Amino acid sequence: MTVYALARIGHQYFLWGAAGLICLVTFVVLILNPALSAHGRIWEKAAAGFMALFVLAALVMGGIVIGLAVVYYYNDIVNFIHGK
């Protein structure tokens, strides 16, 4: 039964999941880990982790805004690229 359920999932969902996992690992390795390892006290690590979540939120919101702008202006972008 599980095999049939997995067969119905499109390949694009696996690609989006893999991209999300890669982005999450990149965030942890490049932003969260250095922020936590730079401080010694527990409250400093908690504050750094909390601030890293704000950085993650800013990156996600920036990606959403850029993605929505590309979708909204897609025809204008294509016409600009093709010189129309």
N, C-alpha and C. Protein backbone atom coordinates (compact mmCIF):
# COMPACT_ATOMS: atom_id res chain seq x y z
N MET A 1 0.81 -1.19 0.00
CA MET A 1 0.00 0.00 0.00
C MET A 1 0.86 1.26 0.00
N THR A 2 1.96 1.27 0.73
CA THR A 2 2.83 2.43 0.78
C THR A 2 3.48 2.71 -0.57
N VAL A 3 3.79 1.65 -1.30
CA VAL A 3 4.41 1.83 -2.61
C VAL A 3 3.48 2.59 -3.54
N TYR A 4 2.20 2.28 -3.51
CA TYR A 4 1.24 2.98 -4.36
C TYR A 4 1.07 4.43 -3.94
N ALA A 5 1.12 4.69 -2.64
CA ALA A 5 1.02 6.07 -2.16
C ALA A 5 2.23 6.88 -2.61
N LEU A 6 3.40 6.30 -2.58
CA LEU A 6 4.60 7.01 -3.05
C LEU A 6 4.60 7.17 -4.56
N ALA A 7 3.97 6.27 -5.28
CA ALA A 7 3.92 6.37 -6.73
C ALA A 7 3.08 7.56 -7.17
N ARG A 8 2.13 7.98 -6.33
CA ARG A 8 1.27 9.10 -6.69
C ARG A 8 1.94 10.45 -6.46
N ILE A 9 3.00 10.49 -5.67
CA ILE A 9 3.69 11.75 -5.40
C ILE A 9 4.55 12.09 -6.61
N GLY A 10 4.38 13.31 -7.10
CA GLY A 10 5.15 13.75 -8.25
C GLY A 10 6.61 13.97 -7.91
N HIS A 11 7.45 13.88 -8.91
CA HIS A 11 8.89 14.04 -8.68
C HIS A 11 9.24 15.45 -8.23
N GLN A 12 8.41 16.43 -8.59
CA GLN A 12 8.72 17.80 -8.19
C GLN A 12 8.64 17.98 -6.68
N TYR A 13 7.80 17.20 -6.00
CA TYR A 13 7.74 17.30 -4.54
C TYR A 13 9.04 16.80 -3.90
N PHE A 14 9.62 15.78 -4.48
CA PHE A 14 10.91 15.30 -3.96
C PHE A 14 12.00 16.33 -4.22
N LEU A 15 11.95 17.00 -5.38
CA LEU A 15 12.94 18.03 -5.67
C LEU A 15 12.79 19.23 -4.73
N TRP A 16 11.55 19.66 -4.47
CA TRP A 16 11.32 20.76 -3.54
C TRP A 16 11.75 20.38 -2.13
N GLY A 17 11.48 19.15 -1.74
CA GLY A 17 11.91 18.69 -0.42
C GLY A 17 13.43 18.65 -0.30
N ALA A 18 14.10 18.18 -1.35
CA ALA A 18 15.56 18.15 -1.33
C ALA A 18 16.13 19.56 -1.30
N ALA A 19 15.54 20.48 -2.06
CA ALA A 19 16.01 21.87 -2.04
C ALA A 19 15.81 22.49 -0.67
N GLY A 20 14.67 22.22 -0.03
CA GLY A 20 14.42 22.74 1.31
C GLY A 20 15.41 22.18 2.32
N LEU A 21 15.70 20.89 2.20
CA LEU A 21 16.67 20.27 3.11
C LEU A 21 18.06 20.86 2.92
N ILE A 22 18.47 21.07 1.68
CA ILE A 22 19.77 21.68 1.40
C ILE A 22 19.83 23.09 1.97
N CYS A 23 18.76 23.86 1.82
CA CYS A 23 18.73 25.23 2.37
C CYS A 23 18.79 25.21 3.89
N LEU A 24 18.09 24.29 4.51
CA LEU A 24 18.11 24.20 5.97
C LEU A 24 19.49 23.82 6.49
N VAL A 25 20.13 22.86 5.85
CA VAL A 25 21.49 22.45 6.24
C VAL A 25 22.46 23.61 6.04
N THR A 26 22.31 24.35 4.94
CA THR A 26 23.17 25.49 4.68
C THR A 26 22.99 26.57 5.76
N PHE A 27 21.75 26.82 6.16
CA PHE A 27 21.50 27.79 7.22
C PHE A 27 22.16 27.36 8.53
N VAL A 28 22.01 26.09 8.87
CA VAL A 28 22.58 25.60 10.13
C VAL A 28 24.10 25.69 10.11
N VAL A 29 24.71 25.30 8.99
CA VAL A 29 26.17 25.26 8.91
C VAL A 29 26.77 26.67 8.81
N LEU A 30 26.17 27.56 8.02
CA LEU A 30 26.78 28.86 7.76
C LEU A 30 26.33 29.97 8.70
N ILE A 31 25.16 29.84 9.33
CA ILE A 31 24.67 30.92 10.17
C ILE A 31 24.51 30.48 11.63
N LEU A 32 23.77 29.40 11.86
CA LEU A 32 23.45 29.02 13.24
C LEU A 32 24.67 28.49 13.99
N ASN A 33 25.44 27.61 13.38
CA ASN A 33 26.59 27.03 14.06
C ASN A 33 27.63 28.08 14.46
N PRO A 34 28.05 28.98 13.56
CA PRO A 34 29.01 30.01 14.00
C PRO A 34 28.43 30.95 15.07
N ALA A 35 27.12 31.25 14.98
CA ALA A 35 26.51 32.13 15.98
C ALA A 35 26.52 31.49 17.35
N LEU A 36 26.25 30.20 17.43
CA LEU A 36 26.21 29.52 18.72
C LEU A 36 27.61 29.25 19.26
N SER A 37 28.55 28.96 18.38
CA SER A 37 29.89 28.62 18.86
C SER A 37 30.71 29.86 19.23
N ALA A 38 30.25 31.04 18.88
CA ALA A 38 30.99 32.26 19.19
C ALA A 38 30.79 32.72 20.62
N HIS A 39 29.83 32.15 21.33
CA HIS A 39 29.51 32.60 22.68
C HIS A 39 29.69 31.47 23.66
N GLY A 40 29.97 31.84 24.92
CA GLY A 40 30.24 30.84 25.93
C GLY A 40 29.10 30.57 26.90
N ARG A 41 28.41 31.63 27.28
CA ARG A 41 27.34 31.46 28.27
C ARG A 41 26.06 30.98 27.60
N ILE A 42 25.24 30.31 28.39
CA ILE A 42 24.00 29.74 27.86
C ILE A 42 23.05 30.83 27.37
N TRP A 43 22.93 31.91 28.13
CA TRP A 43 22.00 32.96 27.71
C TRP A 43 22.49 33.66 26.45
N GLU A 44 23.81 33.76 26.26
CA GLU A 44 24.35 34.34 25.04
C GLU A 44 24.07 33.44 23.84
N LYS A 45 24.20 32.12 24.04
CA LYS A 45 23.89 31.17 22.97
C LYS A 45 22.41 31.22 22.62
N ALA A 46 21.55 31.35 23.64
CA ALA A 46 20.11 31.43 23.39
C ALA A 46 19.77 32.71 22.62
N ALA A 47 20.39 33.81 22.99
CA ALA A 47 20.15 35.07 22.28
C ALA A 47 20.66 34.99 20.84
N ALA A 48 21.82 34.38 20.65
CA ALA A 48 22.36 34.23 19.29
C ALA A 48 21.48 33.33 18.45
N GLY A 49 20.97 32.27 19.04
CA GLY A 49 20.05 31.39 18.31
C GLY A 49 18.76 32.09 17.96
N PHE A 50 18.24 32.91 18.89
CA PHE A 50 17.03 33.67 18.63
C PHE A 50 17.25 34.67 17.50
N MET A 51 18.39 35.34 17.50
CA MET A 51 18.69 36.29 16.43
C MET A 51 18.91 35.57 15.09
N ALA A 52 19.46 34.36 15.13
CA ALA A 52 19.63 33.59 13.91
C ALA A 52 18.28 33.23 13.30
N LEU A 53 17.27 33.03 14.15
CA LEU A 53 15.93 32.77 13.63
C LEU A 53 15.37 34.00 12.91
N PHE A 54 15.73 35.19 13.38
CA PHE A 54 15.33 36.39 12.66
C PHE A 54 16.03 36.47 11.30
N VAL A 55 17.28 36.07 11.25
CA VAL A 55 17.99 36.03 9.97
C VAL A 55 17.31 35.04 9.03
N LEU A 56 16.94 33.86 9.54
CA LEU A 56 16.23 32.88 8.72
C LEU A 56 14.91 33.44 8.22
N ALA A 57 14.17 34.12 9.09
CA ALA A 57 12.89 34.70 8.67
C ALA A 57 13.10 35.77 7.59
N ALA A 58 14.14 36.57 7.73
CA ALA A 58 14.43 37.59 6.73
C ALA A 58 14.80 36.96 5.39
N LEU A 59 15.57 35.88 5.43
CA LEU A 59 15.93 35.20 4.18
C LEU A 59 14.72 34.57 3.52
N VAL A 60 13.84 33.97 4.31
CA VAL A 60 12.63 33.36 3.75
C VAL A 60 11.73 34.43 3.16
N MET A 61 11.51 35.52 3.88
CA MET A 61 10.66 36.59 3.37
C MET A 61 11.25 37.23 2.12
N GLY A 62 12.57 37.41 2.10
CA GLY A 62 13.20 37.93 0.89
C GLY A 62 13.02 37.01 -0.29
N GLY A 63 13.14 35.72 -0.07
CA GLY A 63 12.92 34.76 -1.15
C GLY A 63 11.49 34.76 -1.65
N ILE A 64 10.54 34.90 -0.73
CA ILE A 64 9.13 34.95 -1.13
C ILE A 64 8.85 36.20 -1.94
N VAL A 65 9.36 37.34 -1.51
CA VAL A 65 9.13 38.60 -2.23
C VAL A 65 9.76 38.54 -3.62
N ILE A 66 10.98 38.05 -3.71
CA ILE A 66 11.64 37.95 -5.02
C ILE A 66 10.88 36.97 -5.92
N GLY A 67 10.46 35.84 -5.36
CA GLY A 67 9.71 34.87 -6.15
C GLY A 67 8.39 35.43 -6.64
N LEU A 68 7.66 36.15 -5.78
CA LEU A 68 6.40 36.75 -6.20
C LEU A 68 6.62 37.83 -7.25
N ALA A 69 7.70 38.59 -7.13
CA ALA A 69 8.00 39.61 -8.14
C ALA A 69 8.30 38.97 -9.49
N VAL A 70 9.03 37.88 -9.49
CA VAL A 70 9.33 37.18 -10.74
C VAL A 70 8.05 36.63 -11.36
N VAL A 71 7.18 36.05 -10.55
CA VAL A 71 5.93 35.51 -11.08
C VAL A 71 5.05 36.63 -11.61
N TYR A 72 4.96 37.73 -10.89
CA TYR A 72 4.09 38.84 -11.30
C TYR A 72 4.60 39.50 -12.58
N TYR A 73 5.90 39.71 -12.70
CA TYR A 73 6.48 40.40 -13.85
C TYR A 73 7.09 39.44 -14.87
N TYR A 74 6.66 38.19 -14.88
CA TYR A 74 7.29 37.18 -15.74
C TYR A 74 7.22 37.58 -17.21
N ASN A 75 6.07 38.02 -17.68
CA ASN A 75 5.94 38.38 -19.09
C ASN A 75 6.84 39.55 -19.45
N ASP A 76 6.93 40.54 -18.58
CA ASP A 76 7.82 41.68 -18.83
C ASP A 76 9.28 41.26 -18.84
N ILE A 77 9.65 40.34 -17.96
CA ILE A 77 11.03 39.85 -17.92
C ILE A 77 11.38 39.10 -19.20
N VAL A 78 10.47 38.24 -19.66
CA VAL A 78 10.71 37.47 -20.88
C VAL A 78 10.79 38.40 -22.07
N ASN A 79 9.91 39.40 -22.15
CA ASN A 79 9.96 40.36 -23.26
C ASN A 79 11.24 41.17 -23.23
N PHE A 80 11.71 41.52 -22.05
CA PHE A 80 12.97 42.28 -21.93
C PHE A 80 14.16 41.44 -22.38
N ILE A 81 14.16 40.18 -22.00
CA ILE A 81 15.27 39.29 -22.38
C ILE A 81 15.32 39.08 -23.88
N HIS A 82 14.15 38.93 -24.49
CA HIS A 82 14.09 38.67 -25.93
C HIS A 82 14.11 39.96 -26.75
N GLY A 83 14.19 41.09 -26.09
CA GLY A 83 14.34 42.37 -26.80
C GLY A 83 13.06 42.86 -27.44
N LYS A 84 11.93 42.53 -26.91
CA LYS A 84 10.65 42.97 -27.50
C LYS A 84 10.17 44.24 -26.83
